[in-house]
C-alpha cells in the first residue's frame, strides 16, 4: 500500500496492514514500502571469502590452491577503469579454492578466492 491508499483506508474506518520493524532491539508497528521490502538485506561478510569490491577483469592470479599466505600477501591483480588493483589477503590461512582465472570479467560482489 502507498500513503494515499493508507489514508483512504483509514477514512473508511479500516486500518492499514501494520508490520513489525525491529531497530536496535526496539519493536515498532508500521507500514513498510515495497521498496523497503524488496531491498537486499545486509549479511555479515564471510572472512574466508575474498569478494570483488568493484567490477573488473582478472589480470593475474598470484596464488595457487593449497598455498599458505600471510595477512596482506598479494592474491591477485584486478583491472578496473584502466587501473591495476592488487587484492591482498585479508587474513593468514591456506587457499581452499580459486574461483576465477586470468581474463575473467567480474561484477561487483563476485567471490574470487576462498580460504580453508
N, C-alpha and C. Protein backbone atom coordinates (compact mmCIF):
# COMPACT_ATOMS: atom_id res chain seq x y z
N UNK A 1 0.83 -1.18 0.00
CA UNK A 1 0.00 0.00 0.00
C UNK A 1 0.87 1.24 0.00
N UNK A 2 0.36 2.28 -0.59
CA UNK A 2 1.08 3.55 -0.53
C UNK A 2 0.36 4.48 0.44
N UNK A 3 0.91 5.67 0.64
CA UNK A 3 0.37 6.62 1.61
C UNK A 3 -1.08 7.00 1.30
N UNK A 4 -1.39 7.23 0.01
CA UNK A 4 -2.76 7.59 -0.39
C UNK A 4 -3.74 6.48 -0.04
N UNK A 5 -3.35 5.23 -0.35
CA UNK A 5 -4.22 4.10 -0.06
C UNK A 5 -4.43 3.95 1.44
N UNK A 6 -3.37 4.16 2.24
CA UNK A 6 -3.48 4.08 3.70
C UNK A 6 -4.47 5.12 4.22
N UNK A 7 -4.35 6.38 3.74
CA UNK A 7 -5.23 7.45 4.19
C UNK A 7 -6.69 7.15 3.80
N UNK A 8 -6.90 6.64 2.59
CA UNK A 8 -8.26 6.30 2.14
C UNK A 8 -8.83 5.18 3.00
N UNK A 9 -8.03 4.20 3.34
CA UNK A 9 -8.48 3.08 4.16
C UNK A 9 -8.86 3.55 5.56
N UNK A 10 -8.04 4.46 6.13
CA UNK A 10 -8.32 4.99 7.46
C UNK A 10 -9.61 5.80 7.45
N UNK A 11 -9.85 6.61 6.40
CA UNK A 11 -11.09 7.39 6.29
C UNK A 11 -12.32 6.48 6.26
N UNK A 12 -12.16 5.28 5.68
CA UNK A 12 -13.27 4.34 5.58
C UNK A 12 -13.44 3.54 6.87
N UNK A 13 -12.61 3.83 7.87
CA UNK A 13 -12.74 3.14 9.15
C UNK A 13 -11.85 1.91 9.26
N UNK A 14 -11.10 1.60 8.24
CA UNK A 14 -10.20 0.45 8.29
C UNK A 14 -8.83 0.85 8.79
N UNK A 15 -7.97 -0.12 8.93
CA UNK A 15 -6.60 0.14 9.35
C UNK A 15 -5.65 -0.47 8.33
N UNK A 16 -4.56 0.23 8.03
CA UNK A 16 -3.58 -0.36 7.11
C UNK A 16 -2.90 -1.57 7.76
N UNK A 17 -2.36 -2.45 6.94
CA UNK A 17 -1.63 -3.61 7.46
C UNK A 17 -0.34 -3.14 8.11
N UNK A 18 -0.23 -3.39 9.40
CA UNK A 18 0.97 -2.99 10.12
C UNK A 18 1.89 -4.19 10.27
N UNK A 19 3.18 -3.92 10.16
CA UNK A 19 4.18 -4.97 10.28
C UNK A 19 5.17 -4.58 11.35
N UNK A 20 5.82 -5.59 11.94
CA UNK A 20 6.83 -5.33 12.97
C UNK A 20 8.13 -4.91 12.32
N UNK A 21 8.76 -3.90 12.89
CA UNK A 21 10.07 -3.43 12.46
C UNK A 21 10.91 -3.31 13.72
N UNK A 22 12.03 -4.03 13.79
CA UNK A 22 12.89 -4.01 14.97
C UNK A 22 14.14 -3.21 14.64
N UNK A 23 14.38 -2.17 15.44
CA UNK A 23 15.56 -1.32 15.28
C UNK A 23 16.26 -1.23 16.63
N UNK A 24 17.49 -1.68 16.70
CA UNK A 24 18.27 -1.66 17.94
C UNK A 24 17.51 -2.25 19.12
N UNK A 25 16.80 -3.33 18.90
CA UNK A 25 16.08 -4.01 19.96
C UNK A 25 14.70 -3.45 20.26
N UNK A 26 14.35 -2.30 19.70
CA UNK A 26 13.02 -1.72 19.90
C UNK A 26 12.11 -2.15 18.76
N UNK A 27 10.88 -2.55 19.10
CA UNK A 27 9.92 -3.02 18.09
C UNK A 27 8.88 -1.94 17.82
N UNK A 28 8.66 -1.70 16.53
CA UNK A 28 7.68 -0.71 16.08
C UNK A 28 6.67 -1.39 15.17
N UNK A 29 5.43 -0.93 15.20
CA UNK A 29 4.42 -1.37 14.24
C UNK A 29 4.27 -0.25 13.23
N UNK A 30 4.43 -0.58 11.96
CA UNK A 30 4.41 0.43 10.91
C UNK A 30 4.03 -0.20 9.59
N UNK A 31 3.77 0.64 8.60
CA UNK A 31 3.60 0.14 7.24
C UNK A 31 4.96 0.22 6.56
N UNK A 32 5.26 -0.74 5.74
CA UNK A 32 6.54 -0.78 5.04
C UNK A 32 6.31 -0.59 3.55
N UNK A 33 7.17 0.19 2.91
CA UNK A 33 7.04 0.42 1.48
C UNK A 33 7.52 -0.81 0.72
N UNK A 34 7.08 -0.93 -0.51
CA UNK A 34 7.53 -2.02 -1.38
C UNK A 34 9.04 -1.94 -1.57
N UNK A 35 9.54 -0.73 -1.73
CA UNK A 35 10.98 -0.52 -1.91
C UNK A 35 11.76 -1.08 -0.71
N UNK A 36 11.27 -0.82 0.49
CA UNK A 36 11.93 -1.32 1.69
C UNK A 36 11.87 -2.83 1.76
N UNK A 37 10.70 -3.40 1.44
CA UNK A 37 10.54 -4.86 1.49
C UNK A 37 11.42 -5.56 0.46
N UNK A 38 11.62 -4.94 -0.70
CA UNK A 38 12.36 -5.58 -1.79
C UNK A 38 13.88 -5.41 -1.69
N UNK A 39 14.35 -4.50 -0.81
CA UNK A 39 15.78 -4.25 -0.77
C UNK A 39 16.53 -5.46 -0.21
N UNK A 40 17.76 -5.60 -0.62
CA UNK A 40 18.58 -6.72 -0.19
C UNK A 40 19.04 -6.47 1.25
N UNK A 41 18.82 -7.45 2.10
CA UNK A 41 19.18 -7.30 3.50
C UNK A 41 20.67 -7.56 3.71
N UNK A 42 21.24 -6.85 4.68
CA UNK A 42 22.66 -6.96 4.98
C UNK A 42 22.96 -8.32 5.59
N UNK A 43 24.05 -8.93 5.15
CA UNK A 43 24.50 -10.20 5.68
C UNK A 43 25.95 -10.02 6.13
N UNK A 44 26.28 -10.54 7.29
CA UNK A 44 27.65 -10.42 7.80
C UNK A 44 28.60 -11.07 6.80
N UNK A 45 29.66 -10.35 6.39
CA UNK A 45 30.60 -10.91 5.42
C UNK A 45 31.32 -12.15 5.98
N UNK A 46 31.59 -13.10 5.10
CA UNK A 46 32.34 -14.30 5.46
C UNK A 46 33.82 -13.99 5.29
N UNK A 47 34.58 -14.01 6.38
CA UNK A 47 36.00 -13.67 6.33
C UNK A 47 36.81 -14.62 5.47
N UNK A 48 36.27 -15.81 5.22
CA UNK A 48 37.02 -16.81 4.45
C UNK A 48 36.81 -16.66 2.94
N UNK A 49 36.05 -15.65 2.52
CA UNK A 49 35.82 -15.42 1.10
C UNK A 49 36.33 -14.04 0.70
N UNK A 50 37.12 -14.00 -0.37
CA UNK A 50 37.60 -12.72 -0.90
C UNK A 50 36.65 -12.35 -2.04
N UNK A 51 35.99 -11.20 -1.88
CA UNK A 51 34.93 -10.78 -2.80
C UNK A 51 35.37 -9.51 -3.53
N UNK A 52 35.05 -9.42 -4.82
CA UNK A 52 35.39 -8.22 -5.59
C UNK A 52 34.57 -7.04 -5.09
N UNK A 53 35.24 -5.96 -4.78
CA UNK A 53 34.57 -4.77 -4.27
C UNK A 53 34.20 -3.80 -5.39
N UNK A 54 34.72 -4.07 -6.59
CA UNK A 54 34.40 -3.29 -7.79
C UNK A 54 34.34 -4.25 -8.97
N UNK A 55 33.63 -3.90 -10.03
CA UNK A 55 33.67 -4.75 -11.22
C UNK A 55 35.02 -4.59 -11.92
N UNK A 56 35.49 -5.63 -12.55
CA UNK A 56 36.77 -5.54 -13.24
C UNK A 56 37.15 -6.83 -13.93
N UNK A 57 38.37 -6.85 -14.45
CA UNK A 57 38.90 -8.01 -15.17
C UNK A 57 40.10 -8.56 -14.42
N UNK A 58 40.11 -9.87 -14.19
CA UNK A 58 41.24 -10.51 -13.51
C UNK A 58 42.42 -10.52 -14.47
N UNK A 59 43.51 -9.86 -14.10
CA UNK A 59 44.69 -9.79 -14.95
C UNK A 59 45.75 -10.82 -14.56
N UNK A 60 45.83 -11.11 -13.26
CA UNK A 60 46.86 -12.06 -12.83
C UNK A 60 46.45 -12.69 -11.51
N UNK A 61 46.55 -14.02 -11.42
CA UNK A 61 46.31 -14.74 -10.17
C UNK A 61 47.69 -15.08 -9.62
N UNK A 62 47.98 -14.65 -8.40
CA UNK A 62 49.33 -14.75 -7.84
C UNK A 62 49.48 -15.91 -6.85
N UNK A 63 48.43 -16.69 -6.61
CA UNK A 63 48.48 -17.81 -5.68
C UNK A 63 47.89 -19.06 -6.34
N UNK A 64 48.11 -20.21 -5.70
CA UNK A 64 47.55 -21.48 -6.17
C UNK A 64 46.78 -22.11 -5.02
N UNK A 65 45.89 -23.05 -5.35
CA UNK A 65 45.17 -23.80 -4.33
C UNK A 65 46.19 -24.53 -3.48
N UNK A 66 46.01 -24.46 -2.17
CA UNK A 66 46.92 -25.13 -1.24
C UNK A 66 48.02 -24.22 -0.70
N UNK A 67 48.22 -23.06 -1.32
CA UNK A 67 49.24 -22.12 -0.84
C UNK A 67 48.86 -21.59 0.54
N UNK A 68 49.87 -21.44 1.39
CA UNK A 68 49.67 -20.77 2.68
C UNK A 68 50.07 -19.32 2.50
N UNK A 69 49.23 -18.42 2.94
CA UNK A 69 49.51 -16.99 2.80
C UNK A 69 49.40 -16.31 4.16
N UNK A 70 50.09 -15.19 4.27
CA UNK A 70 50.00 -14.37 5.46
C UNK A 70 49.05 -13.21 5.17
N UNK A 71 48.61 -12.56 6.22
CA UNK A 71 47.76 -11.39 6.04
C UNK A 71 48.52 -10.34 5.22
N UNK A 72 47.85 -9.74 4.26
CA UNK A 72 48.36 -8.71 3.35
C UNK A 72 49.25 -9.24 2.22
N UNK A 73 49.41 -10.57 2.10
CA UNK A 73 50.10 -11.12 0.92
C UNK A 73 49.25 -10.83 -0.32
N UNK A 74 49.91 -10.68 -1.46
CA UNK A 74 49.19 -10.40 -2.71
C UNK A 74 48.53 -11.68 -3.23
N UNK A 75 47.23 -11.58 -3.57
CA UNK A 75 46.48 -12.72 -4.07
C UNK A 75 46.26 -12.65 -5.58
N UNK A 76 45.83 -11.49 -6.05
CA UNK A 76 45.58 -11.35 -7.48
C UNK A 76 45.54 -9.88 -7.88
N UNK A 77 45.56 -9.66 -9.19
CA UNK A 77 45.50 -8.31 -9.74
C UNK A 77 44.19 -8.18 -10.51
N UNK A 78 43.42 -7.13 -10.18
CA UNK A 78 42.13 -6.88 -10.80
C UNK A 78 42.19 -5.53 -11.50
N UNK A 79 41.95 -5.52 -12.81
CA UNK A 79 41.93 -4.26 -13.56
C UNK A 79 40.52 -3.70 -13.56
N UNK A 80 40.42 -2.43 -13.16
CA UNK A 80 39.14 -1.74 -13.16
C UNK A 80 39.37 -0.29 -13.58
N UNK A 81 38.65 0.15 -14.59
CA UNK A 81 38.76 1.52 -15.09
C UNK A 81 40.22 1.87 -15.42
N UNK A 82 40.90 0.95 -16.10
CA UNK A 82 42.28 1.11 -16.56
C UNK A 82 43.29 1.24 -15.43
N UNK A 83 42.90 0.82 -14.23
CA UNK A 83 43.82 0.83 -13.09
C UNK A 83 43.99 -0.59 -12.60
N UNK A 84 45.22 -0.95 -12.25
CA UNK A 84 45.52 -2.27 -11.72
C UNK A 84 45.40 -2.23 -10.19
N UNK A 85 44.49 -3.05 -9.65
CA UNK A 85 44.26 -3.11 -8.22
C UNK A 85 44.80 -4.43 -7.68
N UNK A 86 45.72 -4.35 -6.75
CA UNK A 86 46.26 -5.56 -6.12
C UNK A 86 45.31 -5.93 -4.98
N UNK A 87 44.83 -7.17 -5.00
CA UNK A 87 43.95 -7.66 -3.95
C UNK A 87 44.81 -8.44 -2.97
N UNK A 88 44.85 -7.96 -1.73
CA UNK A 88 45.67 -8.58 -0.69
C UNK A 88 44.83 -9.52 0.17
N UNK A 89 45.52 -10.43 0.83
CA UNK A 89 44.86 -11.39 1.70
C UNK A 89 44.34 -10.68 2.95
N UNK A 90 43.07 -10.89 3.29
CA UNK A 90 42.52 -10.26 4.49
C UNK A 90 42.92 -10.97 5.78
N UNK A 91 43.52 -12.17 5.64
CA UNK A 91 43.88 -12.98 6.80
C UNK A 91 44.98 -13.96 6.44
N UNK A 92 45.59 -14.53 7.46
CA UNK A 92 46.55 -15.61 7.25
C UNK A 92 45.75 -16.90 7.11
N UNK A 93 46.19 -17.77 6.21
CA UNK A 93 45.47 -19.02 6.04
C UNK A 93 45.94 -19.77 4.80
N UNK A 94 45.20 -20.83 4.48
CA UNK A 94 45.52 -21.68 3.34
C UNK A 94 44.43 -21.50 2.29
N UNK A 95 44.84 -21.41 1.02
CA UNK A 95 43.89 -21.21 -0.09
C UNK A 95 43.13 -22.52 -0.34
N UNK A 96 41.81 -22.46 -0.21
CA UNK A 96 40.95 -23.63 -0.45
C UNK A 96 40.53 -23.72 -1.91
N UNK A 97 40.16 -22.57 -2.49
CA UNK A 97 39.67 -22.57 -3.87
C UNK A 97 39.93 -21.22 -4.52
N UNK A 98 40.23 -21.27 -5.81
CA UNK A 98 40.35 -20.06 -6.62
C UNK A 98 39.23 -20.15 -7.65
N UNK A 99 38.30 -19.24 -7.57
CA UNK A 99 37.08 -19.32 -8.38
C UNK A 99 37.13 -18.45 -9.63
N UNK A 100 38.29 -17.85 -9.91
CA UNK A 100 38.45 -17.02 -11.10
C UNK A 100 39.72 -17.44 -11.83
N UNK A 101 39.80 -17.02 -13.09
CA UNK A 101 41.04 -17.25 -13.85
C UNK A 101 41.37 -15.97 -14.59
N UNK A 102 42.59 -15.89 -15.05
CA UNK A 102 43.03 -14.69 -15.76
C UNK A 102 42.13 -14.44 -16.97
N UNK A 103 41.70 -13.19 -17.12
CA UNK A 103 40.83 -12.81 -18.23
C UNK A 103 39.36 -12.77 -17.86
N UNK A 104 38.99 -13.34 -16.71
CA UNK A 104 37.58 -13.32 -16.30
C UNK A 104 37.13 -11.89 -16.02
N UNK A 105 35.93 -11.55 -16.50
CA UNK A 105 35.33 -10.24 -16.20
C UNK A 105 34.34 -10.47 -15.06
N UNK A 106 34.51 -9.73 -13.98
CA UNK A 106 33.73 -9.95 -12.77
C UNK A 106 32.82 -8.76 -12.45
N UNK A 107 31.59 -9.03 -12.03
CA UNK A 107 30.77 -7.95 -11.50
C UNK A 107 31.15 -7.72 -10.03
N UNK A 108 30.73 -6.61 -9.50
CA UNK A 108 30.95 -6.32 -8.08
C UNK A 108 30.28 -7.42 -7.25
N UNK A 109 30.95 -7.88 -6.20
CA UNK A 109 30.36 -8.86 -5.31
C UNK A 109 30.65 -10.31 -5.66
N UNK A 110 31.53 -10.56 -6.63
CA UNK A 110 31.87 -11.94 -7.02
C UNK A 110 32.88 -12.52 -6.04
N UNK A 111 32.67 -13.79 -5.65
CA UNK A 111 33.64 -14.48 -4.81
C UNK A 111 34.79 -14.89 -5.69
N UNK A 112 36.01 -14.47 -5.32
CA UNK A 112 37.20 -14.75 -6.14
C UNK A 112 38.04 -15.89 -5.54
N UNK A 113 38.24 -15.85 -4.24
CA UNK A 113 39.09 -16.84 -3.55
C UNK A 113 38.44 -17.21 -2.23
N UNK A 114 38.58 -18.51 -1.87
CA UNK A 114 38.09 -18.98 -0.58
C UNK A 114 39.25 -19.56 0.22
N UNK A 115 39.21 -19.33 1.54
CA UNK A 115 40.20 -19.89 2.45
C UNK A 115 39.62 -21.11 3.16
N UNK A 116 40.51 -21.99 3.65
CA UNK A 116 40.05 -23.17 4.42
C UNK A 116 39.61 -22.73 5.79
